[in-house]
Amino acid sequence: IREGTFNRFGYQMLNDKKYELAIEIFKINTKLYPNSSNTYDSLGEAFWRLKDTIKAKENFNKALSINPENKRALRFIKNHKLD
């Protein structure tokens, strides 16, 4: 499965408010694509929607460790006061 396909499926689950399922999908995507900043960014958002700010911050920081220029992760941390 391509990274983007799996990610879109995870976001479908987020939009359907199936947060735990979305988290599991995004976790699998981080295992399949461990060097992708995007996969950790998506997992961070899923944890944030589940109101787990600690795990959200951990995953956004992981996304930034892979790609310090990840604008979405930087914006999310700033806008949601996860710094």
C-alpha atoms as a PDB file:
ATOM      1  CA  ILE A   1       0.000   0.000   0.000  1.00  0.00           C
ATOM      2  CA  ARG A   2       1.266   3.442  -0.849  1.00  0.00           C
ATOM      3  CA  GLU A   3       1.813   5.893   1.976  1.00  0.00           C
ATOM      4  CA  GLY A   4      -0.728   8.403   0.663  1.00  0.00           C
ATOM      5  CA  THR A   5      -3.429   5.785   0.180  1.00  0.00           C
ATOM      6  CA  PHE A   6      -3.050   4.552   3.735  1.00  0.00           C
ATOM      7  CA  ASN A   7      -2.957   8.112   5.049  1.00  0.00           C
ATOM      8  CA  ARG A   8      -6.179   9.038   3.237  1.00  0.00           C
ATOM      9  CA  PHE A   9      -7.869   5.999   4.761  1.00  0.00           C
ATOM     10  CA  GLY A  10      -6.729   7.149   8.213  1.00  0.00           C
ATOM     11  CA  TYR A  11      -8.160  10.611   7.590  1.00  0.00           C
ATOM     12  CA  GLN A  12     -11.460   9.073   6.486  1.00  0.00           C
ATOM     13  CA  MET A  13     -11.601   7.392   9.875  1.00  0.00           C
ATOM     14  CA  LEU A  14     -10.763  10.701  11.602  1.00  0.00           C
ATOM     15  CA  ASN A  15     -13.553  12.440   9.700  1.00  0.00           C
ATOM     16  CA  ASP A  16     -15.923   9.669  10.789  1.00  0.00           C
ATOM     17  CA  LYS A  17     -14.764  10.264  14.407  1.00  0.00           C
ATOM     18  CA  LYS A  18     -13.327   6.746  14.604  1.00  0.00           C
ATOM     19  CA  TYR A  19     -10.245   8.074  16.350  1.00  0.00           C
ATOM     20  CA  GLU A  20      -8.884   4.814  17.759  1.00  0.00           C
ATOM     21  CA  LEU A  21      -9.117   3.136  14.353  1.00  0.00           C
ATOM     22  CA  ALA A  22      -7.449   6.131  12.706  1.00  0.00           C
ATOM     23  CA  ILE A  23      -4.616   5.935  15.232  1.00  0.00           C
ATOM     24  CA  GLU A  24      -4.054   2.261  14.457  1.00  0.00           C
ATOM     25  CA  ILE A  25      -4.011   2.976  10.715  1.00  0.00           C
ATOM     26  CA  PHE A  26      -1.531   5.823  11.161  1.00  0.00           C
ATOM     27  CA  LYS A  27       0.638   3.673  13.455  1.00  0.00           C
ATOM     28  CA  ILE A  28       0.853   1.031  10.731  1.00  0.00           C
ATOM     29  CA  ASN A  29       1.774   3.743   8.237  1.00  0.00           C
ATOM     30  CA  THR A  30       4.627   4.908  10.493  1.00  0.00           C
ATOM     31  CA  LYS A  31       5.896   1.317  10.549  1.00  0.00           C
ATOM     32  CA  LEU A  32       5.645   0.994   6.777  1.00  0.00           C
ATOM     33  CA  TYR A  33       7.191   4.434   6.172  1.00  0.00           C
ATOM     34  CA  PRO A  34       9.359   5.203   9.225  1.00  0.00           C
ATOM     35  CA  ASN A  35      11.289   7.946   7.426  1.00  0.00           C
ATOM     36  CA  SER A  36       8.191   9.919   6.471  1.00  0.00           C
ATOM     37  CA  SER A  37       7.511  13.072   8.441  1.00  0.00           C
ATOM     38  CA  ASN A  38       3.967  13.050   7.101  1.00  0.00           C
ATOM     39  CA  THR A  39       3.034   9.744   8.732  1.00  0.00           C
ATOM     40  CA  TYR A  40       4.017  11.006  12.196  1.00  0.00           C
ATOM     41  CA  ASP A  41       2.297  14.331  11.558  1.00  0.00           C
ATOM     42  CA  SER A  42      -0.950  12.490  10.804  1.00  0.00           C
ATOM     43  CA  LEU A  43      -0.577  10.271  13.863  1.00  0.00           C
ATOM     44  CA  GLY A  44      -0.028  13.388  15.970  1.00  0.00           C
ATOM     45  CA  GLU A  45      -3.249  14.906  14.698  1.00  0.00           C
ATOM     46  CA  ALA A  46      -5.172  11.723  15.476  1.00  0.00           C
ATOM     47  CA  PHE A  47      -3.879  11.702  19.047  1.00  0.00           C
ATOM     48  CA  TRP A  48      -4.762  15.388  19.368  1.00  0.00           C
ATOM     49  CA  ARG A  49      -8.335  14.694  18.259  1.00  0.00           C
ATOM     50  CA  LEU A  50      -8.490  11.952  20.887  1.00  0.00           C
ATOM     51  CA  LYS A  51      -7.340  14.655  23.349  1.00  0.00           C
ATOM     52  CA  ASP A  52      -4.050  12.876  24.088  1.00  0.00           C
ATOM     53  CA  THR A  53      -1.839  15.948  23.883  1.00  0.00           C
ATOM     54  CA  ILE A  54       1.240  14.145  25.199  1.00  0.00           C
ATOM     55  CA  LYS A  55       1.250  11.572  22.396  1.00  0.00           C
ATOM     56  CA  ALA A  56       0.225  14.242  19.890  1.00  0.00           C
ATOM     57  CA  LYS A  57       3.243  16.341  20.832  1.00  0.00           C
ATOM     58  CA  GLU A  58       5.561  13.295  20.722  1.00  0.00           C
ATOM     59  CA  ASN A  59       4.475  12.486  17.175  1.00  0.00           C
ATOM     60  CA  PHE A  60       4.645  16.060  15.930  1.00  0.00           C
ATOM     61  CA  ASN A  61       8.148  16.290  17.381  1.00  0.00           C
ATOM     62  CA  LYS A  62       9.067  13.024  15.645  1.00  0.00           C
ATOM     63  CA  ALA A  63       7.737  14.470  12.381  1.00  0.00           C
ATOM     64  CA  LEU A  64       9.937  17.522  12.916  1.00  0.00           C
ATOM     65  CA  SER A  65      12.981  15.399  13.740  1.00  0.00           C
ATOM     66  CA  ILE A  66      12.607  13.782  10.315  1.00  0.00           C
ATOM     67  CA  ASN A  67      11.797  17.033   8.529  1.00  0.00           C
ATOM     68  CA  PRO A  68      12.376  20.259  10.490  1.00  0.00           C
ATOM     69  CA  GLU A  69      10.620  22.139   7.662  1.00  0.00           C
ATOM     70  CA  ASN A  70       7.293  20.304   8.122  1.00  0.00           C
ATOM     71  CA  LYS A  71       5.076  23.374   8.086  1.00  0.00           C
ATOM     72  CA  ARG A  72       1.960  21.500   9.106  1.00  0.00           C
ATOM     73  CA  ALA A  73       3.573  20.080  12.239  1.00  0.00           C
ATOM     74  CA  LEU A  74       5.082  23.454  13.133  1.00  0.00           C
ATOM     75  CA  ARG A  75       1.747  25.192  12.637  1.00  0.00           C
ATOM     76  CA  PHE A  76      -0.170  22.555  14.592  1.00  0.00           C
ATOM     77  CA  ILE A  77       2.211  22.767  17.572  1.00  0.00           C
ATOM     78  CA  LYS A  78       2.001  26.558  17.585  1.00  0.00           C
ATOM     79  CA  ASN A  79      -1.777  26.846  17.036  1.00  0.00           C
ATOM     80  CA  HIS A  80      -2.652  24.222  19.616  1.00  0.00           C
ATOM     81  CA  LYS A  81      -0.048  25.267  22.166  1.00  0.00           C
ATOM     82  CA  LEU A  82       1.761  21.922  22.176  1.00  0.00           C
ATOM     83  CA  ASP A  83       5.199  23.495  22.642  1.00  0.00           C
END
